[in-house]
PDB file of N, CA and C in Angstrom:
ATOM      1  N   MET A   1      29.343 -40.587   4.822  1.00  0.00           N
ATOM      2  CA  MET A   1      28.231 -38.857   4.974  1.00  0.00           C
ATOM      3  C   MET A   1      28.298 -39.287   6.319  1.00  0.00           C
ATOM      4  N   GLU A   2      28.229 -37.715   7.291  1.00  0.00           N
ATOM      5  CA  GLU A   2      29.016 -37.651   8.328  1.00  0.00           C
ATOM      6  C   GLU A   2      26.933 -37.119   8.848  1.00  0.00           C
ATOM      7  N   TYR A   3      27.290 -37.816   9.871  1.00  0.00           N
ATOM      8  CA  TYR A   3      25.534 -37.463  10.979  1.00  0.00           C
ATOM      9  C   TYR A   3      25.036 -36.076  10.413  1.00  0.00           C
ATOM     10  N   ALA A   4      25.657 -34.636  10.691  1.00  0.00           N
ATOM     11  CA  ALA A   4      24.726 -33.506  10.052  1.00  0.00           C
ATOM     12  C   ALA A   4      24.673 -33.700   8.807  1.00  0.00           C
ATOM     13  N   ALA A   5      25.011 -34.013   8.058  1.00  0.00           N
ATOM     14  CA  ALA A   5      24.791 -34.151   6.389  1.00  0.00           C
ATOM     15  C   ALA A   5      23.329 -35.181   6.338  1.00  0.00           C
ATOM     16  N   VAL A   6      23.962 -35.941   6.988  1.00  0.00           N
ATOM     17  CA  VAL A   6      22.403 -37.210   7.006  1.00  0.00           C
ATOM     18  C   VAL A   6      21.164 -36.785   7.662  1.00  0.00           C
ATOM     19  N   ILE A   7      21.738 -35.738   8.448  1.00  0.00           N
ATOM     20  CA  ILE A   7      19.819 -35.260   9.131  1.00  0.00           C
ATOM     21  C   ILE A   7      19.826 -34.056   8.340  1.00  0.00           C
ATOM     22  N   LEU A   8      20.424 -33.482   7.249  1.00  0.00           N
ATOM     23  CA  LEU A   8      19.773 -32.255   6.808  1.00  0.00           C
ATOM     24  C   LEU A   8      19.141 -32.622   5.671  1.00  0.00           C
ATOM     25  N   SER A   9      19.569 -33.975   5.072  1.00  0.00           N
ATOM     26  CA  SER A   9      18.866 -34.501   3.714  1.00  0.00           C
ATOM     27  C   SER A   9      17.462 -34.640   3.736  1.00  0.00           C
ATOM     28  N   GLY A  10      17.999 -35.425   5.160  1.00  0.00           N
ATOM     29  CA  GLY A  10      16.399 -36.087   5.624  1.00  0.00           C
ATOM     30  C   GLY A  10      15.405 -34.804   6.244  1.00  0.00           C
ATOM     31  N   ALA A  11      15.575 -34.024   6.649  1.00  0.00           N
ATOM     32  CA  ALA A  11      14.895 -32.901   6.789  1.00  0.00           C
ATOM     33  C   ALA A  11      14.473 -32.061   5.312  1.00  0.00           C
ATOM     34  N   THR A  12      15.743 -32.098   4.356  1.00  0.00           N
ATOM     35  CA  THR A  12      15.544 -31.336   3.195  1.00  0.00           C
ATOM     36  C   THR A  12      14.400 -32.605   2.124  1.00  0.00           C
ATOM     37  N   GLN A  13      14.140 -34.140   2.589  1.00  0.00           N
ATOM     38  CA  GLN A  13      13.129 -34.637   1.518  1.00  0.00           C
ATOM     39  C   GLN A  13      12.410 -34.225   2.393  1.00  0.00           C
ATOM     40  N   GLN A  14      11.911 -34.524   3.454  1.00  0.00           N
ATOM     41  CA  GLN A  14      10.404 -34.153   4.969  1.00  0.00           C
ATOM     42  C   GLN A  14      10.204 -32.978   3.673  1.00  0.00           C
ATOM     43  N   LEU A  15      11.117 -31.762   3.883  1.00  0.00           N
ATOM     44  CA  LEU A  15      10.372 -30.271   3.320  1.00  0.00           C
ATOM     45  C   LEU A  15      10.157 -29.921   2.509  1.00  0.00           C
ATOM     46  N   GLN A  16      10.631 -30.439   0.651  1.00  0.00           N
ATOM     47  CA  GLN A  16      10.353 -31.080  -0.762  1.00  0.00           C
ATOM     48  C   GLN A  16       9.082 -31.578  -0.441  1.00  0.00           C
ATOM     49  N   LYS A  17       8.382 -32.678   0.010  1.00  0.00           N
ATOM     50  CA  LYS A  17       7.804 -33.215   0.153  1.00  0.00           C
ATOM     51  C   LYS A  17       6.183 -32.088   0.755  1.00  0.00           C
ATOM     52  N   LEU A  18       6.811 -31.836   2.055  1.00  0.00           N
ATOM     53  CA  LEU A  18       5.443 -30.722   2.542  1.00  0.00           C
ATOM     54  C   LEU A  18       4.945 -29.603   1.483  1.00  0.00           C
ATOM     55  N   PHE A  19       5.931 -29.459   0.655  1.00  0.00           N
ATOM     56  CA  PHE A  19       6.247 -27.919   0.152  1.00  0.00           C
ATOM     57  C   PHE A  19       5.992 -28.005  -1.319  1.00  0.00           C
ATOM     58  N   ASN A  20       5.787 -29.428  -1.546  1.00  0.00           N
ATOM     59  CA  ASN A  20       5.608 -29.807  -2.997  1.00  0.00           C
ATOM     60  C   ASN A  20       6.455 -29.007  -4.196  1.00  0.00           C
ATOM     61  N   THR A  21       7.729 -29.056  -3.587  1.00  0.00           N
ATOM     62  CA  THR A  21       8.937 -28.473  -4.887  1.00  0.00           C
ATOM     63  C   THR A  21       9.775 -29.374  -5.101  1.00  0.00           C
ATOM     64  N   ASP A  22      11.174 -28.785  -5.798  1.00  0.00           N
ATOM     65  CA  ASP A  22      11.934 -29.319  -6.439  1.00  0.00           C
ATOM     66  C   ASP A  22      13.092 -28.443  -5.720  1.00  0.00           C
ATOM     67  N   ASP A  23      12.817 -27.124  -5.444  1.00  0.00           N
ATOM     68  CA  ASP A  23      13.227 -26.059  -5.080  1.00  0.00           C
ATOM     69  C   ASP A  23      15.195 -26.294  -4.074  1.00  0.00           C
ATOM     70  N   LEU A  24      14.131 -27.306  -3.137  1.00  0.00           N
ATOM     71  CA  LEU A  24      15.118 -27.669  -1.992  1.00  0.00           C
ATOM     72  C   LEU A  24      16.009 -29.005  -2.141  1.00  0.00           C
ATOM     73  N   GLN A  25      16.188 -29.281  -3.098  1.00  0.00           N
ATOM     74  CA  GLN A  25      16.883 -30.642  -4.151  1.00  0.00           C
ATOM     75  C   GLN A  25      18.361 -30.450  -3.641  1.00  0.00           C
ATOM     76  N   GLN A  26      18.860 -28.731  -4.032  1.00  0.00           N
ATOM     77  CA  GLN A  26      20.194 -28.746  -3.873  1.00  0.00           C
ATOM     78  C   GLN A  26      20.283 -28.001  -2.668  1.00  0.00           C
ATOM     79  N   THR A  27      20.165 -28.143  -1.811  1.00  0.00           N
ATOM     80  CA  THR A  27      20.881 -27.379  -1.180  1.00  0.00           C
ATOM     81  C   THR A  27      21.885 -28.142   0.087  1.00  0.00           C
ATOM     82  N   HIS A  28      22.995 -27.502   0.139  1.00  0.00           N
ATOM     83  CA  HIS A  28      24.166 -27.439   1.019  1.00  0.00           C
ATOM     84  C   HIS A  28      24.535 -26.916   2.323  1.00  0.00           C
ATOM     85  N   SER A  29      23.429 -26.251   2.365  1.00  0.00           N
ATOM     86  CA  SER A  29      24.103 -25.603   3.910  1.00  0.00           C
ATOM     87  C   SER A  29      22.293 -25.011   4.512  1.00  0.00           C
ATOM     88  N   MET A  30      22.606 -25.462   6.196  1.00  0.00           N
ATOM     89  CA  MET A  30      21.893 -24.473   6.375  1.00  0.00           C
ATOM     90  C   MET A  30      21.255 -23.509   6.467  1.00  0.00           C
ATOM     91  N   ALA A  31      21.859 -22.321   6.224  1.00  0.00           N
ATOM     92  CA  ALA A  31      21.690 -20.963   5.394  1.00  0.00           C
ATOM     93  C   ALA A  31      20.638 -20.776   3.947  1.00  0.00           C
ATOM     94  N   GLU A  32      21.339 -21.469   3.294  1.00  0.00           N
ATOM     95  CA  GLU A  32      20.976 -21.918   1.805  1.00  0.00           C
ATOM     96  C   GLU A  32      19.361 -22.376   2.422  1.00  0.00           C
ATOM     97  N   LEU A  33      19.290 -23.445   3.031  1.00  0.00           N
ATOM     98  CA  LEU A  33      17.503 -24.129   3.172  1.00  0.00           C
ATOM     99  C   LEU A  33      16.899 -22.958   4.141  1.00  0.00           C
ATOM    100  N   GLN A  34      17.621 -22.293   5.088  1.00  0.00           N
ATOM    101  CA  GLN A  34      16.567 -21.388   5.745  1.00  0.00           C
ATOM    102  C   GLN A  34      16.301 -20.430   4.511  1.00  0.00           C
ATOM    103  N   HIS A  35      16.841 -20.065   3.364  1.00  0.00           N
ATOM    104  CA  HIS A  35      16.703 -18.503   2.285  1.00  0.00           C
ATOM    105  C   HIS A  35      15.218 -19.608   1.748  1.00  0.00           C
ATOM    106  N   LYS A  36      15.953 -20.595   1.409  1.00  0.00           N
ATOM    107  CA  LYS A  36      14.610 -21.957   0.159  1.00  0.00           C
ATOM    108  C   LYS A  36      13.479 -21.487   1.162  1.00  0.00           C
ATOM    109  N   VAL A  37      13.326 -21.921   2.125  1.00  0.00           N
ATOM    110  CA  VAL A  37      12.153 -22.214   2.807  1.00  0.00           C
ATOM    111  C   VAL A  37      11.584 -21.416   3.505  1.00  0.00           C
ATOM    112  N   ALA A  38      11.914 -19.572   4.250  1.00  0.00           N
ATOM    113  CA  ALA A  38      11.807 -18.336   3.603  1.00  0.00           C
ATOM    114  C   ALA A  38      11.128 -18.004   2.668  1.00  0.00           C
ATOM    115  N   LEU A  39      11.588 -18.566   1.638  1.00  0.00           N
ATOM    116  CA  LEU A  39      10.904 -17.748   0.393  1.00  0.00           C
ATOM    117  C   LEU A  39       9.449 -18.486  -0.159  1.00  0.00           C
ATOM    118  N   ALA A  40       9.710 -19.636   0.096  1.00  0.00           N
ATOM    119  CA  ALA A  40       8.551 -20.534   0.298  1.00  0.00           C
ATOM    120  C   ALA A  40       7.152 -20.237   0.991  1.00  0.00           C
ATOM    121  N   VAL A  41       7.824 -19.994   2.389  1.00  0.00           N
ATOM    122  CA  VAL A  41       6.706 -19.490   3.179  1.00  0.00           C
ATOM    123  C   VAL A  41       6.066 -17.834   2.860  1.00  0.00           C
ATOM    124  N   GLN A  42       6.946 -17.496   2.277  1.00  0.00           N
ATOM    125  CA  GLN A  42       6.618 -16.076   1.888  1.00  0.00           C
ATOM    126  C   GLN A  42       5.724 -16.043   0.914  1.00  0.00           C
ATOM    127  N   GLN A  43       5.774 -16.891   0.353  1.00  0.00           N
ATOM    128  CA  GLN A  43       4.471 -17.083  -0.999  1.00  0.00           C
ATOM    129  C   GLN A  43       3.555 -17.881  -0.219  1.00  0.00           C
ATOM    130  N   LEU A  44       3.489 -18.448   0.484  1.00  0.00           N
ATOM    131  CA  LEU A  44       2.282 -18.948   0.998  1.00  0.00           C
ATOM    132  C   LEU A  44       1.796 -18.142   2.297  1.00  0.00           C
ATOM    133  N   LEU A  45       2.372 -17.140   2.235  1.00  0.00           N
ATOM    134  CA  LEU A  45       1.899 -16.045   3.323  1.00  0.00           C
ATOM    135  C   LEU A  45       0.887 -15.348   2.294  1.00  0.00           C
ATOM    136  N   GLN A  46       1.479 -14.998   1.283  1.00  0.00           N
ATOM    137  CA  GLN A  46       0.820 -14.055   0.151  1.00  0.00           C
ATOM    138  C   GLN A  46      -0.303 -14.925  -0.629  1.00  0.00           C
ATOM    139  N   THR A  47      -0.568 -15.989  -0.488  1.00  0.00           N
ATOM    140  CA  THR A  47      -1.314 -16.771  -1.623  1.00  0.00           C
ATOM    141  C   THR A  47      -2.239 -17.925  -1.405  1.00  0.00           C
ATOM    142  N   ASP A  48      -1.813 -18.694  -0.055  1.00  0.00           N
ATOM    143  CA  ASP A  48      -2.556 -19.190   0.167  1.00  0.00           C
ATOM    144  C   ASP A  48      -1.998 -19.677   1.764  1.00  0.00           C
ATOM    145  N   LEU A  49      -2.300 -18.910   2.772  1.00  0.00           N
ATOM    146  CA  LEU A  49      -2.591 -18.728   4.311  1.00  0.00           C
ATOM    147  C   LEU A  49      -2.892 -20.236   4.969  1.00  0.00           C
ATOM    148  N   ASN A  50      -3.757 -20.621   4.169  1.00  0.00           N
ATOM    149  CA  ASN A  50      -4.385 -21.724   4.948  1.00  0.00           C
ATOM    150  C   ASN A  50      -3.940 -22.912   4.189  1.00  0.00           C
ATOM    151  N   ARG A  51      -2.940 -23.215   3.589  1.00  0.00           N
ATOM    152  CA  ARG A  51      -2.159 -24.109   3.010  1.00  0.00           C
ATOM    153  C   ARG A  51      -1.040 -24.153   4.070  1.00  0.00           C
ATOM    154  N   LEU A  52      -0.297 -22.928   4.259  1.00  0.00           N
ATOM    155  CA  LEU A  52       0.538 -22.682   5.410  1.00  0.00           C
ATOM    156  C   LEU A  52       0.691 -23.351   6.595  1.00  0.00           C
ATOM    157  N   LEU A  53      -0.660 -23.127   7.209  1.00  0.00           N
ATOM    158  CA  LEU A  53      -1.144 -23.547   8.128  1.00  0.00           C
ATOM    159  C   LEU A  53      -1.220 -24.913   8.462  1.00  0.00           C
ATOM    160  N   ASN A  54      -1.888 -25.696   7.669  1.00  0.00           N
ATOM    161  CA  ASN A  54      -2.357 -27.042   7.361  1.00  0.00           C
ATOM    162  C   ASN A  54      -0.304 -27.691   7.247  1.00  0.00           C
ATOM    163  N   ILE A  55       0.493 -27.298   6.675  1.00  0.00           N
ATOM    164  CA  ILE A  55       1.878 -27.435   6.959  1.00  0.00           C
ATOM    165  C   ILE A  55       2.284 -27.573   8.651  1.00  0.00           C
ATOM    166  N   LEU A  56       2.298 -26.053   8.849  1.00  0.00           N
ATOM    167  CA  LEU A  56       2.716 -25.813  10.278  1.00  0.00           C
ATOM    168  C   LEU A  56       1.916 -27.180  11.257  1.00  0.00           C
ATOM    169  N   TYR A  57       0.864 -27.299  10.874  1.00  0.00           N
ATOM    170  CA  TYR A  57       0.373 -28.268  11.962  1.00  0.00           C
ATOM    171  C   TYR A  57       0.628 -29.692  11.986  1.00  0.00           C
ATOM    172  N   ARG A  58       0.285 -29.951  10.200  1.00  0.00           N
ATOM    173  CA  ARG A  58       1.482 -31.426   9.744  1.00  0.00           C
ATOM    174  C   ARG A  58       3.122 -31.942  10.613  1.00  0.00           C
ATOM    175  N   ILE A  59       3.487 -30.330  10.600  1.00  0.00           N
ATOM    176  CA  ILE A  59       4.526 -30.607  11.385  1.00  0.00           C
ATOM    177  C   ILE A  59       5.107 -30.739  12.575  1.00  0.00           C
ATOM    178  N   ASP A  60       3.714 -29.734  13.334  1.00  0.00           N
ATOM    179  CA  ASP A  60       3.690 -29.930  14.667  1.00  0.00           C
ATOM    180  C   ASP A  60       4.228 -28.594  15.002  1.00  0.00           C
ATOM    181  N   VAL A  61       4.581 -27.283  14.665  1.00  0.00           N
ATOM    182  CA  VAL A  61       5.122 -26.447  14.832  1.00  0.00           C
ATOM    183  C   VAL A  61       4.529 -26.030  16.184  1.00  0.00           C
ATOM    184  N   ASP A  62       5.258 -25.391  16.816  1.00  0.00           N
ATOM    185  CA  ASP A  62       4.181 -24.748  17.897  1.00  0.00           C
ATOM    186  C   ASP A  62       3.287 -23.733  17.584  1.00  0.00           C
ATOM    187  N   GLU A  63       2.317 -23.809  18.207  1.00  0.00           N
ATOM    188  CA  GLU A  63       1.396 -22.705  17.627  1.00  0.00           C
ATOM    189  C   GLU A  63       1.917 -21.344  18.281  1.00  0.00           C
ATOM    190  N   HIS A  64       2.276 -21.823  20.141  1.00  0.00           N
ATOM    191  CA  HIS A  64       2.391 -19.913  20.198  1.00  0.00           C
ATOM    192  C   HIS A  64       3.542 -19.300  19.748  1.00  0.00           C
ATOM    193  N   GLN A  65       4.630 -20.154  19.183  1.00  0.00           N
ATOM    194  CA  GLN A  65       5.438 -19.513  18.592  1.00  0.00           C
ATOM    195  C   GLN A  65       5.356 -18.834  17.040  1.00  0.00           C
ATOM    196  N   VAL A  66       4.864 -19.802  16.539  1.00  0.00           N
ATOM    197  CA  VAL A  66       3.756 -18.951  14.931  1.00  0.00           C
ATOM    198  C   VAL A  66       3.207 -18.117  15.373  1.00  0.00           C
ATOM    199  N   LYS A  67       2.397 -17.646  16.507  1.00  0.00           N
ATOM    200  CA  LYS A  67       1.390 -16.667  16.665  1.00  0.00           C
ATOM    201  C   LYS A  67       2.467 -15.538  16.831  1.00  0.00           C
ATOM    202  N   GLN A  68       3.945 -15.938  17.735  1.00  0.00           N
ATOM    203  CA  GLN A  68       5.016 -14.447  18.009  1.00  0.00           C
ATOM    204  C   GLN A  68       5.420 -14.122  16.635  1.00  0.00           C
ATOM    205  N   ALA A  69       5.473 -15.187  15.646  1.00  0.00           N
ATOM    206  CA  ALA A  69       6.651 -14.776  14.567  1.00  0.00           C
ATOM    207  C   ALA A  69       5.229 -13.971  13.583  1.00  0.00           C
ATOM    208  N   MET A  70       4.611 -14.670  13.805  1.00  0.00           N
ATOM    209  CA  MET A  70       3.115 -13.538  12.779  1.00  0.00           C
ATOM    210  C   MET A  70       2.790 -12.146  13.549  1.00  0.00           C
ATOM    211  N   LEU A  71       3.618 -11.773  14.518  1.00  0.00           N
ATOM    212  CA  LEU A  71       3.792 -10.159  15.124  1.00  0.00           C
ATOM    213  C   LEU A  71       4.601  -9.561  14.701  1.00  0.00           C
ATOM    214  N   LEU A  72       5.581  -9.937  14.093  1.00  0.00           N
ATOM    215  CA  LEU A  72       6.778  -9.290  13.576  1.00  0.00           C
ATOM    216  C   LEU A  72       6.202  -8.228  12.559  1.00  0.00           C
ATOM    217  N   PRO A  73       7.234  -7.161  12.455  1.00  0.00           N
ATOM    218  CA  PRO A  73       6.841  -5.881  11.647  1.00  0.00           C
ATOM    219  C   PRO A  73       6.492  -6.332  10.190  1.00  0.00           C
ATOM    220  N   SER A  74       7.206  -7.032   9.702  1.00  0.00           N
ATOM    221  CA  SER A  74       7.608  -6.954   7.921  1.00  0.00           C
ATOM    222  C   SER A  74       6.936  -8.810   7.151  1.00  0.00           C
ATOM    223  N   GLU A  75       6.438  -8.919   6.486  1.00  0.00           N
ATOM    224  CA  GLU A  75       6.838 -10.251   6.015  1.00  0.00           C
ATOM    225  C   GLU A  75       7.572 -11.018   6.061  1.00  0.00           C
ATOM    226  N   PRO A  76       8.287 -10.309   5.542  1.00  0.00           N
ATOM    227  CA  PRO A  76      10.019 -11.431   5.081  1.00  0.00           C
ATOM    228  C   PRO A  76      10.282 -11.159   6.058  1.00  0.00           C
ATOM    229  N   GLU A  77      10.677 -10.617   7.716  1.00  0.00           N
ATOM    230  CA  GLU A  77      10.501 -10.986   8.739  1.00  0.00           C
ATOM    231  C   GLU A  77       9.962 -12.305   9.514  1.00  0.00           C
ATOM    232  N   VAL A  78       8.813 -12.374   9.184  1.00  0.00           N
ATOM    233  CA  VAL A  78       7.297 -12.854   9.377  1.00  0.00           C
ATOM    234  C   VAL A  78       8.290 -14.539   8.712  1.00  0.00           C
ATOM    235  N   ALA A  79       7.897 -14.717   7.461  1.00  0.00           N
ATOM    236  CA  ALA A  79       8.275 -15.549   6.458  1.00  0.00           C
ATOM    237  C   ALA A  79       9.645 -16.487   7.257  1.00  0.00           C
ATOM    238  N   ASP A  80      10.734 -15.539   7.343  1.00  0.00           N
ATOM    239  CA  ASP A  80      12.348 -16.192   8.000  1.00  0.00           C
ATOM    240  C   ASP A  80      11.977 -16.801   9.007  1.00  0.00           C
ATOM    241  N   ARG A  81      10.988 -16.438  10.249  1.00  0.00           N
ATOM    242  CA  ARG A  81      10.671 -16.670  11.394  1.00  0.00           C
ATOM    243  C   ARG A  81       9.904 -18.002  11.638  1.00  0.00           C
ATOM    244  N   ILE A  82       8.873 -18.203  10.830  1.00  0.00           N
ATOM    245  CA  ILE A  82       8.711 -19.387  10.879  1.00  0.00           C
ATOM    246  C   ILE A  82       9.292 -20.575   9.886  1.00  0.00           C
ATOM    247  N   ALA A  83      10.187 -20.140   8.684  1.00  0.00           N
ATOM    248  CA  ALA A  83      10.808 -20.205   7.752  1.00  0.00           C
ATOM    249  C   ALA A  83      12.063 -21.608   9.081  1.00  0.00           C
ATOM    250  N   HIS A  84      12.299 -20.069  10.000  1.00  0.00           N
ATOM    251  CA  HIS A  84      13.346 -21.065  11.062  1.00  0.00           C
ATOM    252  C   HIS A  84      12.493 -22.258  11.869  1.00  0.00           C
ATOM    253  N   LEU A  85      11.131 -22.384  12.629  1.00  0.00           N
ATOM    254  CA  LEU A  85      10.338 -22.889  13.126  1.00  0.00           C
ATOM    255  C   LEU A  85      10.611 -24.305  12.387  1.00  0.00           C
ATOM    256  N   ILE A  86       9.868 -23.716  11.079  1.00  0.00           N
ATOM    257  CA  ILE A  86      10.009 -25.344  10.421  1.00  0.00           C
ATOM    258  C   ILE A  86      11.055 -26.167  10.593  1.00  0.00           C
ATOM    259  N   ILE A  87      12.289 -25.389   9.972  1.00  0.00           N
ATOM    260  CA  ILE A  87      13.371 -26.397   9.898  1.00  0.00           C
ATOM    261  C   ILE A  87      14.000 -27.055  11.350  1.00  0.00           C
ATOM    262  N   LYS A  88      13.847 -25.895  11.977  1.00  0.00           N
ATOM    263  CA  LYS A  88      14.073 -26.866  13.757  1.00  0.00           C
ATOM    264  C   LYS A  88      13.188 -27.842  13.990  1.00  0.00           C
ATOM    265  N   ARG A  89      11.965 -28.003  13.811  1.00  0.00           N
ATOM    266  CA  ARG A  89      11.142 -29.205  13.638  1.00  0.00           C
ATOM    267  C   ARG A  89      11.262 -30.510  12.542  1.00  0.00           C
ATOM    268  N   GLU A  90      11.499 -29.885  11.837  1.00  0.00           N
ATOM    269  CA  GLU A  90      12.141 -31.098  10.633  1.00  0.00           C
ATOM    270  C   GLU A  90      13.641 -31.120  10.832  1.00  0.00           C
ATOM    271  N   LEU A  91      14.241 -31.051  11.309  1.00  0.00           N
ATOM    272  CA  LEU A  91      15.859 -31.375  11.726  1.00  0.00           C
ATOM    273  C   LEU A  91      15.469 -32.537  13.090  1.00  0.00           C
ATOM    274  N   GLN A  92      14.704 -31.558  14.135  1.00  0.00           N
ATOM    275  CA  GLN A  92      14.423 -32.909  15.571  1.00  0.00           C
ATOM    276  C   GLN A  92      13.681 -33.839  15.437  1.00  0.00           C
ATOM    277  N   LYS A  93      13.279 -34.279  13.832  1.00  0.00           N
ATOM    278  CA  LYS A  93      12.554 -35.112  13.646  1.00  0.00           C
ATOM    279  C   LYS A  93      13.303 -36.219  12.957  1.00  0.00           C
ATOM    280  N   ALA A  94      13.914 -35.207  11.589  1.00  0.00           N
ATOM    281  CA  ALA A  94      15.075 -36.324  10.857  1.00  0.00           C
ATOM    282  C   ALA A  94      16.115 -36.723  12.283  1.00  0.00           C
ATOM    283  N   GLN A  95      16.375 -35.914  13.326  1.00  0.00           N
ATOM    284  CA  GLN A  95      17.255 -36.899  13.833  1.00  0.00           C
ATOM    285  C   GLN A  95      16.631 -38.006  14.637  1.00  0.00           C
ATOM    286  N   THR A  96      15.420 -37.705  14.881  1.00  0.00           N
ATOM    287  CA  THR A  96      14.826 -39.044  15.762  1.00  0.00           C
ATOM    288  C   THR A  96      14.406 -39.990  15.220  1.00  0.00           C
ATOM    289  N   ARG A  97      14.735 -39.865  13.456  1.00  0.00           N
ATOM    290  CA  ARG A  97      14.397 -41.235  12.516  1.00  0.00           C
ATOM    291  C   ARG A  97      15.655 -41.957  12.631  1.00  0.00           C
ATOM    292  N   PHE A  98      17.016 -41.233  12.324  1.00  0.00           N
ATOM    293  CA  PHE A  98      18.129 -41.080  12.381  1.00  0.00           C
ATOM    294  C   PHE A  98      18.590 -42.663  13.544  1.00  0.00           C
ATOM    295  N   ILE A  99      17.989 -41.818  14.736  1.00  0.00           N
ATOM    296  CA  ILE A  99      18.584 -42.667  16.079  1.00  0.00           C
ATOM    297  C   ILE A  99      17.557 -44.011  16.036  1.00  0.00           C
ATOM    298  N   TYR A 100      16.570 -44.294  15.587  1.00  0.00           N
ATOM    299  CA  TYR A 100      15.733 -45.176  15.770  1.00  0.00           C
ATOM    300  C   TYR A 100      16.144 -46.165  14.644  1.00  0.00           C
ATOM    301  N   ARG A 101      16.288 -45.715  13.549  1.00  0.00           N
ATOM    302  CA  ARG A 101      16.668 -46.471  12.339  1.00  0.00           C
ATOM    303  C   ARG A 101      18.287 -47.186  12.340  1.00  0.00           C
ATOM    304  N   SER A 102      18.943 -46.466  12.959  1.00  0.00           N
ATOM    305  CA  SER A 102      20.455 -46.869  13.909  1.00  0.00           C
ATOM    306  C   SER A 102      20.436 -48.159  14.240  1.00  0.00           C
ATOM    307  N   ASN A 103      19.659 -47.954  15.505  1.00  0.00           N
ATOM    308  CA  ASN A 103      19.090 -49.105  16.709  1.00  0.00           C
ATOM    309  C   ASN A 103      18.421 -50.483  15.815  1.00  0.00           C
TER     310      ASN A 103
END
């Protein structure tokens, strides 16, 4: 398995745990992952903001960037931007785990 696929797979597995969903299981591209996470974020924005904030805290997404995302004009844009931040952070963490596991 190539490096990028391993990192994407690791991030996807972690996101499945955080969002408590199997919807991300069959994700094979960044665009598909972005879309699915954005849908999950939008759902939480509508139904359980506290849970979303807890997830963002656990992932350690930059609070300033989340506040900037919340200022976007529409809910889908907010969800898409927050999903991007979540994925970016989880990819960083997956990369770190991969590096330390390899050594």
